[in-house]
N, C-alpha and C. Protein backbone atom coordinates (compact mmCIF):
# COMPACT_ATOMS: atom_id res chain seq x y z
N MET A 1 -4.18 15.56 21.15
CA MET A 1 -4.12 15.23 19.75
C MET A 1 -4.48 13.75 19.59
N ALA A 2 -5.37 13.47 18.65
CA ALA A 2 -5.79 12.09 18.40
C ALA A 2 -4.67 11.34 17.68
N GLN A 3 -4.60 10.06 17.97
CA GLN A 3 -3.57 9.22 17.36
C GLN A 3 -3.86 9.09 15.87
N GLN A 4 -2.89 9.46 15.01
CA GLN A 4 -3.09 9.44 13.57
C GLN A 4 -2.72 8.10 12.95
N VAL A 5 -1.76 7.40 13.53
CA VAL A 5 -1.30 6.12 13.00
C VAL A 5 -1.69 5.04 14.01
N THR A 6 -2.40 4.02 13.52
CA THR A 6 -2.83 2.96 14.43
C THR A 6 -2.20 1.61 14.11
N ASN A 7 -1.65 1.47 12.91
CA ASN A 7 -1.01 0.21 12.53
C ASN A 7 0.45 0.50 12.22
N PHE A 8 1.33 -0.10 13.01
CA PHE A 8 2.76 0.18 12.89
C PHE A 8 3.51 -0.95 12.20
N GLY A 9 2.81 -1.78 11.45
CA GLY A 9 3.41 -2.93 10.77
C GLY A 9 4.49 -2.52 9.79
N ARG A 10 4.26 -1.46 9.06
CA ARG A 10 5.23 -1.01 8.07
C ARG A 10 6.55 -0.62 8.74
N PHE A 11 6.46 0.07 9.86
CA PHE A 11 7.65 0.50 10.59
C PHE A 11 8.42 -0.71 11.11
N TYR A 12 7.73 -1.63 11.75
CA TYR A 12 8.41 -2.79 12.33
C TYR A 12 8.97 -3.73 11.26
N THR A 13 8.32 -3.80 10.11
CA THR A 13 8.87 -4.58 9.00
C THR A 13 10.18 -3.98 8.52
N ALA A 14 10.22 -2.66 8.41
CA ALA A 14 11.44 -1.98 7.98
C ALA A 14 12.54 -2.11 9.02
N ILE A 15 12.20 -2.05 10.29
CA ILE A 15 13.19 -2.20 11.37
C ILE A 15 13.77 -3.61 11.36
N ARG A 16 12.90 -4.62 11.18
CA ARG A 16 13.37 -6.01 11.17
C ARG A 16 14.33 -6.27 10.01
N ALA A 17 14.14 -5.58 8.90
CA ALA A 17 14.99 -5.79 7.73
C ALA A 17 16.38 -5.18 7.92
N MET A 18 16.50 -4.27 8.85
CA MET A 18 17.80 -3.64 9.10
C MET A 18 18.65 -4.56 9.97
N SER A 19 19.93 -4.49 9.78
CA SER A 19 20.83 -5.25 10.66
C SER A 19 21.24 -4.32 11.79
N ILE A 20 20.51 -4.44 12.89
CA ILE A 20 20.70 -3.54 14.03
C ILE A 20 21.59 -4.21 15.06
N ILE A 21 22.57 -3.47 15.52
CA ILE A 21 23.42 -3.95 16.60
C ILE A 21 22.96 -3.23 17.87
N GLY A 22 22.55 -4.00 18.84
CA GLY A 22 22.10 -3.40 20.08
C GLY A 22 20.61 -3.61 20.29
N ASP A 23 20.04 -2.76 21.12
CA ASP A 23 18.64 -2.87 21.52
C ASP A 23 17.73 -2.25 20.46
N ARG A 24 16.81 -3.04 19.92
CA ARG A 24 15.88 -2.54 18.89
C ARG A 24 14.96 -1.45 19.44
N ASP A 25 14.55 -1.59 20.69
CA ASP A 25 13.68 -0.57 21.28
C ASP A 25 14.37 0.78 21.36
N GLU A 26 15.64 0.75 21.69
CA GLU A 26 16.40 2.01 21.77
C GLU A 26 16.56 2.63 20.38
N VAL A 27 16.80 1.79 19.38
CA VAL A 27 16.91 2.28 18.00
C VAL A 27 15.57 2.87 17.57
N LYS A 28 14.48 2.21 17.92
CA LYS A 28 13.14 2.70 17.58
C LYS A 28 12.92 4.08 18.21
N ARG A 29 13.25 4.22 19.50
CA ARG A 29 13.06 5.50 20.19
C ARG A 29 13.90 6.60 19.53
N GLN A 30 15.13 6.27 19.17
CA GLN A 30 16.00 7.27 18.54
C GLN A 30 15.46 7.69 17.18
N LEU A 31 14.96 6.73 16.40
CA LEU A 31 14.40 7.06 15.09
C LEU A 31 13.17 7.96 15.23
N VAL A 32 12.29 7.61 16.16
CA VAL A 32 11.08 8.41 16.36
C VAL A 32 11.47 9.81 16.83
N TRP A 33 12.42 9.91 17.74
CA TRP A 33 12.90 11.20 18.24
C TRP A 33 13.45 12.04 17.09
N GLN A 34 14.21 11.39 16.20
CA GLN A 34 14.82 12.09 15.07
C GLN A 34 13.75 12.59 14.10
N TYR A 35 12.77 11.75 13.76
CA TYR A 35 11.78 12.14 12.75
C TYR A 35 10.68 13.05 13.28
N THR A 36 10.57 13.18 14.61
CA THR A 36 9.62 14.14 15.18
C THR A 36 10.33 15.41 15.63
N ASN A 37 11.61 15.54 15.27
CA ASN A 37 12.42 16.72 15.66
C ASN A 37 12.44 16.93 17.17
N GLY A 38 12.55 15.83 17.91
CA GLY A 38 12.68 15.91 19.37
C GLY A 38 11.37 16.12 20.10
N ARG A 39 10.25 16.03 19.41
CA ARG A 39 8.95 16.25 20.06
C ARG A 39 8.55 15.07 20.94
N THR A 40 8.82 13.83 20.48
CA THR A 40 8.43 12.64 21.23
C THR A 40 9.31 11.47 20.84
N ASP A 41 9.27 10.42 21.66
CA ASP A 41 9.96 9.19 21.30
C ASP A 41 8.97 8.02 21.23
N SER A 42 7.69 8.33 21.13
CA SER A 42 6.64 7.32 21.07
C SER A 42 6.05 7.25 19.65
N LEU A 43 5.97 6.03 19.13
CA LEU A 43 5.37 5.85 17.80
C LEU A 43 3.92 6.33 17.78
N LYS A 44 3.21 6.13 18.86
CA LYS A 44 1.79 6.49 18.92
C LYS A 44 1.57 7.99 18.79
N GLU A 45 2.56 8.78 19.13
CA GLU A 45 2.41 10.24 19.10
C GLU A 45 2.92 10.85 17.80
N MET A 46 3.40 10.02 16.86
CA MET A 46 3.87 10.55 15.57
C MET A 46 2.68 10.95 14.71
N THR A 47 2.87 11.99 13.90
CA THR A 47 1.84 12.36 12.93
C THR A 47 1.95 11.43 11.73
N ARG A 48 0.96 11.42 10.90
CA ARG A 48 0.97 10.57 9.70
C ARG A 48 2.13 10.95 8.79
N GLN A 49 2.38 12.24 8.62
CA GLN A 49 3.46 12.68 7.74
C GLN A 49 4.82 12.25 8.27
N GLU A 50 5.03 12.39 9.57
CA GLU A 50 6.30 11.98 10.17
C GLU A 50 6.50 10.47 10.02
N TYR A 51 5.44 9.72 10.27
CA TYR A 51 5.51 8.26 10.18
C TYR A 51 5.82 7.83 8.75
N ASP A 52 5.12 8.41 7.77
CA ASP A 52 5.36 8.04 6.37
C ASP A 52 6.77 8.39 5.93
N ARG A 53 7.25 9.56 6.32
CA ARG A 53 8.61 9.97 5.95
C ARG A 53 9.64 9.02 6.57
N CYS A 54 9.44 8.64 7.81
CA CYS A 54 10.34 7.72 8.50
C CYS A 54 10.36 6.35 7.80
N CYS A 55 9.18 5.82 7.53
CA CYS A 55 9.09 4.51 6.88
C CYS A 55 9.67 4.54 5.47
N ASP A 56 9.40 5.62 4.73
CA ASP A 56 9.96 5.74 3.38
C ASP A 56 11.49 5.71 3.41
N ASP A 57 12.08 6.44 4.34
CA ASP A 57 13.54 6.48 4.44
C ASP A 57 14.10 5.12 4.84
N LEU A 58 13.46 4.45 5.80
CA LEU A 58 13.93 3.13 6.23
C LEU A 58 13.84 2.12 5.09
N GLU A 59 12.73 2.15 4.35
CA GLU A 59 12.56 1.22 3.22
C GLU A 59 13.57 1.50 2.12
N ARG A 60 13.88 2.76 1.89
CA ARG A 60 14.86 3.11 0.87
C ARG A 60 16.24 2.59 1.27
N LYS A 61 16.58 2.71 2.55
CA LYS A 61 17.87 2.22 3.04
C LYS A 61 17.97 0.70 2.93
N ASN A 62 16.86 0.01 3.15
CA ASN A 62 16.85 -1.46 3.11
C ASN A 62 16.80 -2.00 1.69
N GLY A 63 16.40 -1.19 0.72
CA GLY A 63 16.23 -1.67 -0.65
C GLY A 63 14.89 -2.34 -0.86
N TYR A 64 13.99 -2.22 0.11
CA TYR A 64 12.69 -2.87 0.04
C TYR A 64 11.85 -2.32 -1.11
N ARG A 65 11.89 -1.01 -1.29
CA ARG A 65 11.10 -0.38 -2.35
C ARG A 65 11.50 -0.88 -3.73
N ASP A 66 12.80 -0.97 -3.98
CA ASP A 66 13.27 -1.43 -5.29
C ASP A 66 12.89 -2.88 -5.52
N LEU A 67 13.03 -3.69 -4.48
CA LEU A 67 12.68 -5.10 -4.61
C LEU A 67 11.18 -5.26 -4.85
N LEU A 68 10.37 -4.47 -4.13
CA LEU A 68 8.92 -4.52 -4.32
C LEU A 68 8.54 -4.11 -5.74
N ARG A 69 9.21 -3.09 -6.27
CA ARG A 69 8.93 -2.64 -7.63
C ARG A 69 9.26 -3.73 -8.65
N LYS A 70 10.38 -4.41 -8.47
CA LYS A 70 10.76 -5.49 -9.37
C LYS A 70 9.78 -6.66 -9.31
N GLU A 71 9.34 -7.00 -8.10
CA GLU A 71 8.39 -8.09 -7.93
C GLU A 71 7.05 -7.75 -8.59
N ARG A 72 6.60 -6.51 -8.40
CA ARG A 72 5.34 -6.09 -9.01
C ARG A 72 5.44 -6.11 -10.53
N SER A 73 6.55 -5.65 -11.05
CA SER A 73 6.75 -5.63 -12.49
C SER A 73 6.73 -7.04 -13.07
N ALA A 74 7.43 -7.97 -12.42
CA ALA A 74 7.45 -9.36 -12.89
C ALA A 74 6.06 -9.97 -12.85
N THR A 75 5.30 -9.66 -11.81
CA THR A 75 3.95 -10.21 -11.68
C THR A 75 3.02 -9.64 -12.75
N LEU A 76 3.10 -8.34 -12.98
CA LEU A 76 2.26 -7.73 -14.01
C LEU A 76 2.60 -8.26 -15.40
N LYS A 77 3.87 -8.49 -15.65
CA LYS A 77 4.28 -9.03 -16.94
C LYS A 77 3.71 -10.43 -17.14
N LEU A 78 3.75 -11.24 -16.09
CA LEU A 78 3.20 -12.60 -16.17
C LEU A 78 1.68 -12.56 -16.34
N MET A 79 1.02 -11.63 -15.65
CA MET A 79 -0.43 -11.48 -15.78
C MET A 79 -0.78 -11.09 -17.22
N GLN A 80 0.02 -10.23 -17.80
CA GLN A 80 -0.22 -9.78 -19.17
C GLN A 80 -0.08 -10.95 -20.14
N LYS A 81 0.94 -11.78 -19.94
CA LYS A 81 1.12 -12.95 -20.79
C LYS A 81 -0.04 -13.93 -20.66
N ALA A 82 -0.65 -13.97 -19.47
CA ALA A 82 -1.77 -14.88 -19.23
C ALA A 82 -3.08 -14.35 -19.81
N GLY A 83 -3.05 -13.11 -20.29
CA GLY A 83 -4.24 -12.58 -20.94
C GLY A 83 -5.04 -11.59 -20.11
N ILE A 84 -4.52 -11.15 -18.99
CA ILE A 84 -5.21 -10.17 -18.16
C ILE A 84 -4.78 -8.78 -18.60
N ASP A 85 -5.75 -7.91 -18.81
CA ASP A 85 -5.46 -6.55 -19.26
C ASP A 85 -4.85 -5.76 -18.11
N THR A 86 -3.54 -5.59 -18.14
CA THR A 86 -2.86 -4.91 -17.04
C THR A 86 -2.89 -3.39 -17.17
N THR A 87 -3.48 -2.88 -18.24
CA THR A 87 -3.62 -1.43 -18.36
C THR A 87 -4.84 -0.93 -17.60
N ASP A 88 -5.73 -1.84 -17.23
CA ASP A 88 -6.94 -1.49 -16.48
C ASP A 88 -6.78 -1.97 -15.04
N TRP A 89 -6.54 -1.03 -14.11
CA TRP A 89 -6.29 -1.39 -12.72
C TRP A 89 -7.51 -2.03 -12.08
N ASN A 90 -8.70 -1.70 -12.55
CA ASN A 90 -9.90 -2.34 -11.99
C ASN A 90 -9.89 -3.84 -12.27
N ARG A 91 -9.46 -4.22 -13.47
CA ARG A 91 -9.39 -5.65 -13.80
C ARG A 91 -8.29 -6.34 -13.01
N VAL A 92 -7.14 -5.68 -12.88
CA VAL A 92 -6.04 -6.25 -12.11
C VAL A 92 -6.47 -6.47 -10.66
N ASN A 93 -7.11 -5.45 -10.08
CA ASN A 93 -7.57 -5.56 -8.69
C ASN A 93 -8.67 -6.59 -8.53
N ALA A 94 -9.57 -6.67 -9.50
CA ALA A 94 -10.64 -7.67 -9.44
C ALA A 94 -10.05 -9.07 -9.49
N PHE A 95 -9.06 -9.27 -10.35
CA PHE A 95 -8.41 -10.58 -10.44
C PHE A 95 -7.70 -10.93 -9.13
N CYS A 96 -6.93 -10.00 -8.61
CA CYS A 96 -6.17 -10.27 -7.38
C CYS A 96 -7.07 -10.40 -6.16
N SER A 97 -8.20 -9.70 -6.15
CA SER A 97 -9.10 -9.73 -5.00
C SER A 97 -9.87 -11.04 -4.87
N ASP A 98 -9.91 -11.82 -5.91
CA ASP A 98 -10.58 -13.12 -5.83
C ASP A 98 -9.91 -13.95 -4.74
N PRO A 99 -10.71 -14.53 -3.82
CA PRO A 99 -10.11 -15.29 -2.72
C PRO A 99 -9.28 -16.49 -3.17
N ARG A 100 -9.57 -17.01 -4.35
CA ARG A 100 -8.80 -18.15 -4.85
C ARG A 100 -7.46 -17.72 -5.43
N ILE A 101 -7.31 -16.44 -5.71
CA ILE A 101 -6.07 -15.94 -6.30
C ILE A 101 -5.18 -15.34 -5.21
N ALA A 102 -5.52 -14.17 -4.68
CA ALA A 102 -4.70 -13.55 -3.64
C ALA A 102 -5.53 -13.04 -2.47
N GLY A 103 -6.78 -12.65 -2.73
CA GLY A 103 -7.65 -12.20 -1.65
C GLY A 103 -7.49 -10.74 -1.27
N LYS A 104 -6.64 -10.00 -1.97
CA LYS A 104 -6.50 -8.57 -1.70
C LYS A 104 -6.09 -7.83 -2.97
N GLU A 105 -6.24 -6.52 -2.93
CA GLU A 105 -5.91 -5.72 -4.10
C GLU A 105 -4.41 -5.79 -4.39
N PHE A 106 -4.06 -5.52 -5.64
CA PHE A 106 -2.68 -5.64 -6.09
C PHE A 106 -1.73 -4.76 -5.27
N ALA A 107 -2.13 -3.54 -4.96
CA ALA A 107 -1.26 -2.62 -4.23
C ALA A 107 -0.99 -3.09 -2.80
N ARG A 108 -1.83 -3.93 -2.26
CA ARG A 108 -1.69 -4.41 -0.88
C ARG A 108 -0.86 -5.70 -0.78
N LEU A 109 -0.42 -6.24 -1.92
CA LEU A 109 0.33 -7.49 -1.91
C LEU A 109 1.78 -7.26 -1.49
N SER A 110 2.26 -8.10 -0.60
CA SER A 110 3.66 -8.02 -0.17
C SER A 110 4.54 -8.76 -1.17
N ILE A 111 5.83 -8.75 -0.93
CA ILE A 111 6.76 -9.44 -1.81
C ILE A 111 6.46 -10.93 -1.83
N ASP A 112 6.18 -11.51 -0.67
CA ASP A 112 5.85 -12.94 -0.60
C ASP A 112 4.53 -13.24 -1.31
N ASP A 113 3.55 -12.34 -1.14
CA ASP A 113 2.26 -12.53 -1.81
C ASP A 113 2.42 -12.50 -3.33
N LEU A 114 3.28 -11.60 -3.81
CA LEU A 114 3.51 -11.50 -5.25
C LEU A 114 4.16 -12.77 -5.80
N ALA A 115 5.08 -13.34 -5.03
CA ALA A 115 5.72 -14.59 -5.46
C ALA A 115 4.69 -15.73 -5.52
N GLN A 116 3.80 -15.79 -4.53
CA GLN A 116 2.75 -16.81 -4.54
C GLN A 116 1.79 -16.59 -5.70
N LEU A 117 1.47 -15.34 -5.99
CA LEU A 117 0.57 -15.03 -7.09
C LEU A 117 1.18 -15.47 -8.42
N ARG A 118 2.47 -15.22 -8.62
CA ARG A 118 3.11 -15.66 -9.86
C ARG A 118 3.08 -17.19 -9.97
N ARG A 119 3.28 -17.87 -8.86
CA ARG A 119 3.23 -19.33 -8.87
C ARG A 119 1.83 -19.81 -9.29
N LYS A 120 0.79 -19.16 -8.77
CA LYS A 120 -0.58 -19.54 -9.13
C LYS A 120 -0.88 -19.26 -10.60
N ILE A 121 -0.41 -18.13 -11.10
CA ILE A 121 -0.65 -17.79 -12.50
C ILE A 121 0.04 -18.81 -13.41
N ARG A 122 1.26 -19.20 -13.06
CA ARG A 122 1.95 -20.21 -13.86
C ARG A 122 1.21 -21.55 -13.82
N ALA A 123 0.68 -21.92 -12.67
CA ALA A 123 -0.07 -23.17 -12.56
C ALA A 123 -1.33 -23.12 -13.39
N ILE A 124 -2.03 -22.00 -13.34
CA ILE A 124 -3.25 -21.84 -14.14
C ILE A 124 -2.91 -21.89 -15.62
N ASP A 125 -1.82 -21.23 -15.99
CA ASP A 125 -1.40 -21.19 -17.39
C ASP A 125 -1.00 -22.59 -17.89
N SER A 126 -0.38 -23.38 -17.03
CA SER A 126 0.04 -24.72 -17.45
C SER A 126 -1.15 -25.66 -17.63
N LYS A 127 -2.28 -25.32 -17.00
CA LYS A 127 -3.48 -26.15 -17.11
C LYS A 127 -4.45 -25.64 -18.17
N GLY A 128 -4.01 -24.76 -19.01
CA GLY A 128 -4.86 -24.30 -20.09
C GLY A 128 -5.16 -22.82 -20.06
N GLY A 129 -4.76 -22.14 -19.02
CA GLY A 129 -4.93 -20.70 -18.97
C GLY A 129 -6.33 -20.27 -18.61
N PHE A 130 -6.62 -19.05 -18.95
CA PHE A 130 -7.89 -18.42 -18.61
C PHE A 130 -8.85 -18.49 -19.78
N THR A 131 -9.06 -19.66 -20.34
CA THR A 131 -9.97 -19.80 -21.46
C THR A 131 -11.38 -20.07 -20.95
N ILE A 132 -12.34 -19.80 -21.79
CA ILE A 132 -13.73 -20.06 -21.44
C ILE A 132 -13.97 -21.56 -21.50
N LYS A 133 -14.84 -22.06 -20.62
CA LYS A 133 -15.09 -23.49 -20.51
C LYS A 133 -15.52 -24.09 -21.85
N ALA A 134 -16.36 -23.40 -22.60
CA ALA A 134 -16.82 -23.92 -23.89
C ALA A 134 -15.64 -24.05 -24.87
N GLU A 135 -14.71 -23.09 -24.80
CA GLU A 135 -13.54 -23.17 -25.68
C GLU A 135 -12.68 -24.38 -25.32
N ARG A 136 -12.54 -24.65 -24.01
CA ARG A 136 -11.76 -25.81 -23.58
C ARG A 136 -12.42 -27.11 -24.03
N GLU A 137 -13.74 -27.19 -23.90
CA GLU A 137 -14.46 -28.40 -24.32
C GLU A 137 -14.31 -28.61 -25.82
N ALA A 138 -14.42 -27.54 -26.56
CA ALA A 138 -14.27 -27.65 -28.01
C ALA A 138 -12.85 -28.08 -28.38
N ALA A 139 -11.89 -27.63 -27.63
CA ALA A 139 -10.51 -27.99 -27.92
C ALA A 139 -10.23 -29.45 -27.58
N ARG A 140 -10.95 -30.00 -26.60
CA ARG A 140 -10.74 -31.39 -26.20
C ARG A 140 -11.35 -32.39 -27.18
N LYS A 141 -12.52 -32.05 -27.72
CA LYS A 141 -13.21 -32.99 -28.60
C LYS A 141 -12.52 -33.02 -29.96
N PRO A 142 -12.17 -34.20 -30.41
CA PRO A 142 -11.59 -34.27 -31.75
C PRO A 142 -12.68 -33.96 -32.78
N GLU A 143 -12.27 -33.35 -33.83
CA GLU A 143 -13.23 -32.97 -34.86
C GLU A 143 -13.70 -34.23 -35.60
N GLN A 144 -15.01 -34.36 -35.74
CA GLN A 144 -15.59 -35.51 -36.42
C GLN A 144 -15.33 -35.40 -37.92
N PRO A 145 -14.98 -36.53 -38.55
CA PRO A 145 -14.79 -36.45 -40.01
C PRO A 145 -16.12 -36.12 -40.68
N LYS A 146 -16.05 -35.23 -41.63
CA LYS A 146 -17.27 -34.83 -42.33
C LYS A 146 -17.61 -35.88 -43.38
N GLN A 147 -18.89 -36.12 -43.51
CA GLN A 147 -19.32 -37.07 -44.54
C GLN A 147 -19.25 -36.38 -45.89
N GLN A 148 -18.73 -37.13 -46.84
CA GLN A 148 -18.60 -36.57 -48.17
C GLN A 148 -19.54 -37.31 -49.11
N VAL A 149 -20.11 -36.57 -49.96
CA VAL A 149 -20.97 -37.15 -51.00
C VAL A 149 -20.29 -36.92 -52.33
N ILE A 150 -20.10 -38.02 -53.06
CA ILE A 150 -19.46 -37.93 -54.37
C ILE A 150 -20.53 -38.16 -55.42
N ILE A 151 -20.66 -37.23 -56.30
CA ILE A 151 -21.65 -37.35 -57.37
C ILE A 151 -20.91 -37.78 -58.63
N MET A 152 -21.37 -38.92 -59.15
CA MET A 152 -20.75 -39.44 -60.37
C MET A 152 -21.82 -39.44 -61.47
N PRO A 153 -21.49 -38.88 -62.58
CA PRO A 153 -22.48 -38.88 -63.67
C PRO A 153 -22.69 -40.32 -64.17
N TYR A 154 -23.93 -40.64 -64.43
CA TYR A 154 -24.27 -41.98 -64.89
C TYR A 154 -24.86 -41.83 -66.30
N THR A 155 -24.23 -42.42 -67.20
CA THR A 155 -24.73 -42.35 -68.58
C THR A 155 -24.96 -43.76 -69.09
N THR A 156 -25.95 -43.91 -69.89
CA THR A 156 -26.23 -45.20 -70.49
C THR A 156 -25.91 -45.12 -71.97
N ARG A 157 -25.46 -46.20 -72.54
CA ARG A 157 -25.13 -46.26 -73.96
C ARG A 157 -26.35 -46.75 -74.73
N GLN A 158 -26.59 -46.11 -75.74
CA GLN A 158 -27.68 -46.58 -76.61
C GLN A 158 -27.07 -47.20 -77.84
N ALA A 159 -27.54 -48.33 -78.26
CA ALA A 159 -26.99 -49.02 -79.40
C ALA A 159 -27.84 -48.95 -80.60
């Protein structure tokens, strides 16, 4: 059987968040044994479904999912205030994918990435926001006083 899971970062992140007493490797083996119904104790031999179910349960126990949801919500709310259309995921992903902003799609952002993104959005907003350059230039230039022409009737007296 070909290896279905090649990146185990999600699993190890969830394990690190747990307060484990004892040997982490032994806990890892026991978890894999439990989620594969005794088939194996190796992460490399887990199927994608077993791996996802295991990680989902670990994240739920750690509260990671709820915290991630709150962070995403706060970030989207701030993006919306800054003028980004958060109802269009293509726009949200295009904004986040910019290397100057986050460099990856919104769904791939971790909790730390979301905090950094909010900090950047606040900094951009404090410097004038996402306005067009011409609008900023027009806002900087004071409006020139308009010249007024006053027409006064001129009458001559005849005697």
